[in-house]
Amino acid sequence: MRWGCISWFVPGTVTVVNGNINLIKYQDILEDHLWRVIAQHFSQGGRGYIFQDDSAQVDRAYKSPNNIPSLTWPAQSQDLNIIKNLWLLIKRKLQARKNNINSSRELFKEIQKIWIDITPQYVQSLYTSIPRGIM
């Protein structure tokens, strides 16, 4: 499994998650990856962002006590969850590189290479597509 975050400004970070995500593992992921992006790109001590997730139980359990501003949105909303489109792009690019991947370590290296090449303009195009997804 992999976890990634994006913002209007940058593709953010991506990491491998071994096993299932419980609250402790999710907290570690956010502490190691999410807060760095928020601190770097959002002023006023991290204000001005809205965290969008897939509303899993661990998401809800972490957000509330940490006062994380988030959207309430319906499950299975592919058009609204723009990071799903980003993962689809990565999957397509990985298919073209499948002959170079022989282990999970090589797979993640390829994911990182693709992730680094994602431009802010591409991510911004995903954000601007949201209104079309709700009409």
C-alpha atoms as a PDB file:
ATOM      1  CA  MET A   1       0.000   0.000   0.000  1.00  0.00           C
ATOM      2  CA  ARG A   2       1.099   3.572  -0.545  1.00  0.00           C
ATOM      3  CA  TRP A   3       0.013   6.897   0.903  1.00  0.00           C
ATOM      4  CA  GLY A   4       0.416  10.297  -0.694  1.00  0.00           C
ATOM      5  CA  CYS A   5      -0.759  13.829  -0.244  1.00  0.00           C
ATOM      6  CA  ILE A   6      -1.134  16.691  -2.660  1.00  0.00           C
ATOM      7  CA  SER A   7      -1.824  20.368  -2.375  1.00  0.00           C
ATOM      8  CA  TRP A   8      -2.493  23.124  -4.868  1.00  0.00           C
ATOM      9  CA  PHE A   9       1.184  24.041  -4.655  1.00  0.00           C
ATOM     10  CA  VAL A  10       2.983  20.682  -4.950  1.00  0.00           C
ATOM     11  CA  PRO A  11       2.397  16.982  -5.389  1.00  0.00           C
ATOM     12  CA  GLY A  12       3.378  16.632  -1.704  1.00  0.00           C
ATOM     13  CA  THR A  13       4.868  13.413  -0.420  1.00  0.00           C
ATOM     14  CA  VAL A  14       4.435   9.722  -1.048  1.00  0.00           C
ATOM     15  CA  THR A  15       5.358   6.779   1.165  1.00  0.00           C
ATOM     16  CA  VAL A  16       4.959   3.031   1.427  1.00  0.00           C
ATOM     17  CA  VAL A  17       2.635   1.677   4.091  1.00  0.00           C
ATOM     18  CA  ASN A  18       3.324  -1.863   5.221  1.00  0.00           C
ATOM     19  CA  GLY A  19       0.283  -3.810   6.375  1.00  0.00           C
ATOM     20  CA  ASN A  20      -3.058  -2.366   7.372  1.00  0.00           C
ATOM     21  CA  ILE A  21      -3.400   1.179   8.608  1.00  0.00           C
ATOM     22  CA  ASN A  22      -4.460   1.534  12.216  1.00  0.00           C
ATOM     23  CA  LEU A  23      -4.717   4.791  14.159  1.00  0.00           C
ATOM     24  CA  ILE A  24      -1.099   4.694  15.373  1.00  0.00           C
ATOM     25  CA  LYS A  25       0.297   3.990  11.908  1.00  0.00           C
ATOM     26  CA  TYR A  26      -1.921   6.680  10.385  1.00  0.00           C
ATOM     27  CA  GLN A  27      -0.790   9.186  12.993  1.00  0.00           C
ATOM     28  CA  ASP A  28       2.850   8.366  12.196  1.00  0.00           C
ATOM     29  CA  ILE A  29       2.217   8.833   8.462  1.00  0.00           C
ATOM     30  CA  LEU A  30       0.595  12.223   8.988  1.00  0.00           C
ATOM     31  CA  GLU A  31       3.286  13.343  11.415  1.00  0.00           C
ATOM     32  CA  ASP A  32       6.061  12.318   9.011  1.00  0.00           C
ATOM     33  CA  HIS A  33       4.505  13.474   5.733  1.00  0.00           C
ATOM     34  CA  LEU A  34       1.401  15.653   5.923  1.00  0.00           C
ATOM     35  CA  TRP A  35       2.509  18.241   8.454  1.00  0.00           C
ATOM     36  CA  ARG A  36       5.688  18.990   6.514  1.00  0.00           C
ATOM     37  CA  VAL A  37       3.643  19.942   3.445  1.00  0.00           C
ATOM     38  CA  ILE A  38       1.201  22.019   5.499  1.00  0.00           C
ATOM     39  CA  ALA A  39       3.987  23.865   7.312  1.00  0.00           C
ATOM     40  CA  GLN A  40       5.815  24.619   4.080  1.00  0.00           C
ATOM     41  CA  HIS A  41       2.896  25.774   1.948  1.00  0.00           C
ATOM     42  CA  PHE A  42       0.232  27.178   4.239  1.00  0.00           C
ATOM     43  CA  SER A  43       0.768  30.331   6.238  1.00  0.00           C
ATOM     44  CA  GLN A  44      -0.574  31.257   9.659  1.00  0.00           C
ATOM     45  CA  GLY A  45       0.633  28.128  11.387  1.00  0.00           C
ATOM     46  CA  GLY A  46      -0.886  25.740   8.887  1.00  0.00           C
ATOM     47  CA  ARG A  47      -4.200  27.526   8.460  1.00  0.00           C
ATOM     48  CA  GLY A  48      -5.854  27.882   5.093  1.00  0.00           C
ATOM     49  CA  TYR A  49      -6.000  24.250   4.063  1.00  0.00           C
ATOM     50  CA  ILE A  50      -8.809  21.687   4.014  1.00  0.00           C
ATOM     51  CA  PHE A  51      -7.873  18.048   4.451  1.00  0.00           C
ATOM     52  CA  GLN A  52      -9.713  15.668   2.157  1.00  0.00           C
ATOM     53  CA  ASP A  53      -9.554  11.961   2.877  1.00  0.00           C
ATOM     54  CA  ASP A  54     -11.636   8.902   2.189  1.00  0.00           C
ATOM     55  CA  SER A  55     -13.494   9.130   5.545  1.00  0.00           C
ATOM     56  CA  ALA A  56     -12.108   5.849   6.857  1.00  0.00           C
ATOM     57  CA  GLN A  57     -12.446   5.276  10.589  1.00  0.00           C
ATOM     58  CA  VAL A  58      -8.770   6.089  11.245  1.00  0.00           C
ATOM     59  CA  ASP A  59      -9.152   9.372   9.342  1.00  0.00           C
ATOM     60  CA  ARG A  60     -12.047  10.469  11.527  1.00  0.00           C
ATOM     61  CA  ALA A  61     -10.341   9.353  14.739  1.00  0.00           C
ATOM     62  CA  TYR A  62      -7.250  11.460  14.000  1.00  0.00           C
ATOM     63  CA  LYS A  63      -8.863  14.590  12.549  1.00  0.00           C
ATOM     64  CA  SER A  64     -11.208  15.531  15.345  1.00  0.00           C
ATOM     65  CA  PRO A  65      -8.798  15.688  18.308  1.00  0.00           C
ATOM     66  CA  ASN A  66      -6.171  17.409  16.142  1.00  0.00           C
ATOM     67  CA  ASN A  67      -8.586  20.075  14.853  1.00  0.00           C
ATOM     68  CA  ILE A  68      -7.873  19.266  11.223  1.00  0.00           C
ATOM     69  CA  PRO A  69     -10.247  21.189   8.927  1.00  0.00           C
ATOM     70  CA  SER A  70     -11.824  18.791   6.483  1.00  0.00           C
ATOM     71  CA  LEU A  71     -14.647  18.336   4.018  1.00  0.00           C
ATOM     72  CA  THR A  72     -17.683  16.176   4.565  1.00  0.00           C
ATOM     73  CA  TRP A  73     -18.195  14.383   1.307  1.00  0.00           C
ATOM     74  CA  PRO A  74     -19.869  11.203   0.062  1.00  0.00           C
ATOM     75  CA  ALA A  75     -18.088   7.877  -0.130  1.00  0.00           C
ATOM     76  CA  GLN A  76     -17.147   6.520  -3.552  1.00  0.00           C
ATOM     77  CA  SER A  77     -16.812  10.022  -4.995  1.00  0.00           C
ATOM     78  CA  GLN A  78     -14.117   9.370  -7.562  1.00  0.00           C
ATOM     79  CA  ASP A  79     -14.668  12.723  -9.281  1.00  0.00           C
ATOM     80  CA  LEU A  80     -14.176  14.626  -6.035  1.00  0.00           C
ATOM     81  CA  ASN A  81     -11.200  12.666  -4.752  1.00  0.00           C
ATOM     82  CA  ILE A  82      -8.636  14.048  -7.150  1.00  0.00           C
ATOM     83  CA  ILE A  83      -5.719  12.079  -5.735  1.00  0.00           C
ATOM     84  CA  LYS A  84      -7.396   8.973  -7.198  1.00  0.00           C
ATOM     85  CA  ASN A  85      -6.802  10.535 -10.620  1.00  0.00           C
ATOM     86  CA  LEU A  86      -3.173  11.066  -9.701  1.00  0.00           C
ATOM     87  CA  TRP A  87      -2.814   7.398  -8.723  1.00  0.00           C
ATOM     88  CA  LEU A  88      -4.399   6.443 -12.058  1.00  0.00           C
ATOM     89  CA  LEU A  89      -1.760   8.491 -13.886  1.00  0.00           C
ATOM     90  CA  ILE A  90       0.966   6.759 -11.868  1.00  0.00           C
ATOM     91  CA  LYS A  91      -0.530   3.335 -12.642  1.00  0.00           C
ATOM     92  CA  ARG A  92      -0.524   4.076 -16.375  1.00  0.00           C
ATOM     93  CA  LYS A  93       3.087   5.235 -16.271  1.00  0.00           C
ATOM     94  CA  LEU A  94       4.083   2.173 -14.240  1.00  0.00           C
ATOM     95  CA  GLN A  95       2.564  -0.100 -16.874  1.00  0.00           C
ATOM     96  CA  ALA A  96       4.993   1.352 -19.407  1.00  0.00           C
ATOM     97  CA  ARG A  97       7.875   0.593 -17.018  1.00  0.00           C
ATOM     98  CA  LYS A  98       6.768  -2.860 -15.847  1.00  0.00           C
ATOM     99  CA  ASN A  99       9.748  -4.616 -17.428  1.00  0.00           C
ATOM    100  CA  ASN A 100      12.057  -2.632 -15.101  1.00  0.00           C
ATOM    101  CA  ILE A 101      10.236  -3.672 -11.920  1.00  0.00           C
ATOM    102  CA  ASN A 102      11.180  -6.928 -10.241  1.00  0.00           C
ATOM    103  CA  SER A 103      10.530  -6.216  -6.564  1.00  0.00           C
ATOM    104  CA  SER A 104       8.398  -4.087  -4.296  1.00  0.00           C
ATOM    105  CA  ARG A 105      11.431  -1.881  -3.619  1.00  0.00           C
ATOM    106  CA  GLU A 106      11.880  -1.246  -7.372  1.00  0.00           C
ATOM    107  CA  LEU A 107       8.150  -0.589  -7.668  1.00  0.00           C
ATOM    108  CA  PHE A 108       8.284   2.118  -5.025  1.00  0.00           C
ATOM    109  CA  LYS A 109      11.401   3.647  -6.619  1.00  0.00           C
ATOM    110  CA  GLU A 110       9.498   3.935  -9.891  1.00  0.00           C
ATOM    111  CA  ILE A 111       6.498   5.445  -8.087  1.00  0.00           C
ATOM    112  CA  GLN A 112       8.806   8.022  -6.495  1.00  0.00           C
ATOM    113  CA  LYS A 113      10.349   8.891  -9.877  1.00  0.00           C
ATOM    114  CA  ILE A 114       6.915   9.431 -11.397  1.00  0.00           C
ATOM    115  CA  TRP A 115       5.720  11.366  -8.332  1.00  0.00           C
ATOM    116  CA  ILE A 116       8.684  13.752  -8.497  1.00  0.00           C
ATOM    117  CA  ASP A 117       7.941  14.482 -12.163  1.00  0.00           C
ATOM    118  CA  ILE A 118       4.329  15.489 -11.464  1.00  0.00           C
ATOM    119  CA  THR A 119       4.063  19.213 -12.009  1.00  0.00           C
ATOM    120  CA  PRO A 120       2.132  21.676  -9.863  1.00  0.00           C
ATOM    121  CA  GLN A 121       0.246  22.609 -13.044  1.00  0.00           C
ATOM    122  CA  TYR A 122      -1.028  19.020 -13.406  1.00  0.00           C
ATOM    123  CA  VAL A 123      -2.155  18.935  -9.774  1.00  0.00           C
ATOM    124  CA  GLN A 124      -3.833  22.325 -10.201  1.00  0.00           C
ATOM    125  CA  SER A 125      -5.681  20.999 -13.243  1.00  0.00           C
ATOM    126  CA  LEU A 126      -7.072  18.236 -11.018  1.00  0.00           C
ATOM    127  CA  TYR A 127      -8.261  20.806  -8.484  1.00  0.00           C
ATOM    128  CA  THR A 128      -9.919  22.920 -11.156  1.00  0.00           C
ATOM    129  CA  SER A 129     -11.747  19.805 -12.427  1.00  0.00           C
ATOM    130  CA  ILE A 130     -13.680  19.440  -9.147  1.00  0.00           C
ATOM    131  CA  PRO A 131     -16.601  21.721 -10.130  1.00  0.00           C
ATOM    132  CA  ARG A 132     -17.148  19.625 -13.272  1.00  0.00           C
ATOM    133  CA  GLY A 133     -17.351  16.531 -11.052  1.00  0.00           C
ATOM    134  CA  ILE A 134     -20.193  17.914  -8.985  1.00  0.00           C
ATOM    135  CA  MET A 135     -22.347  19.259 -11.791  1.00  0.00           C
END
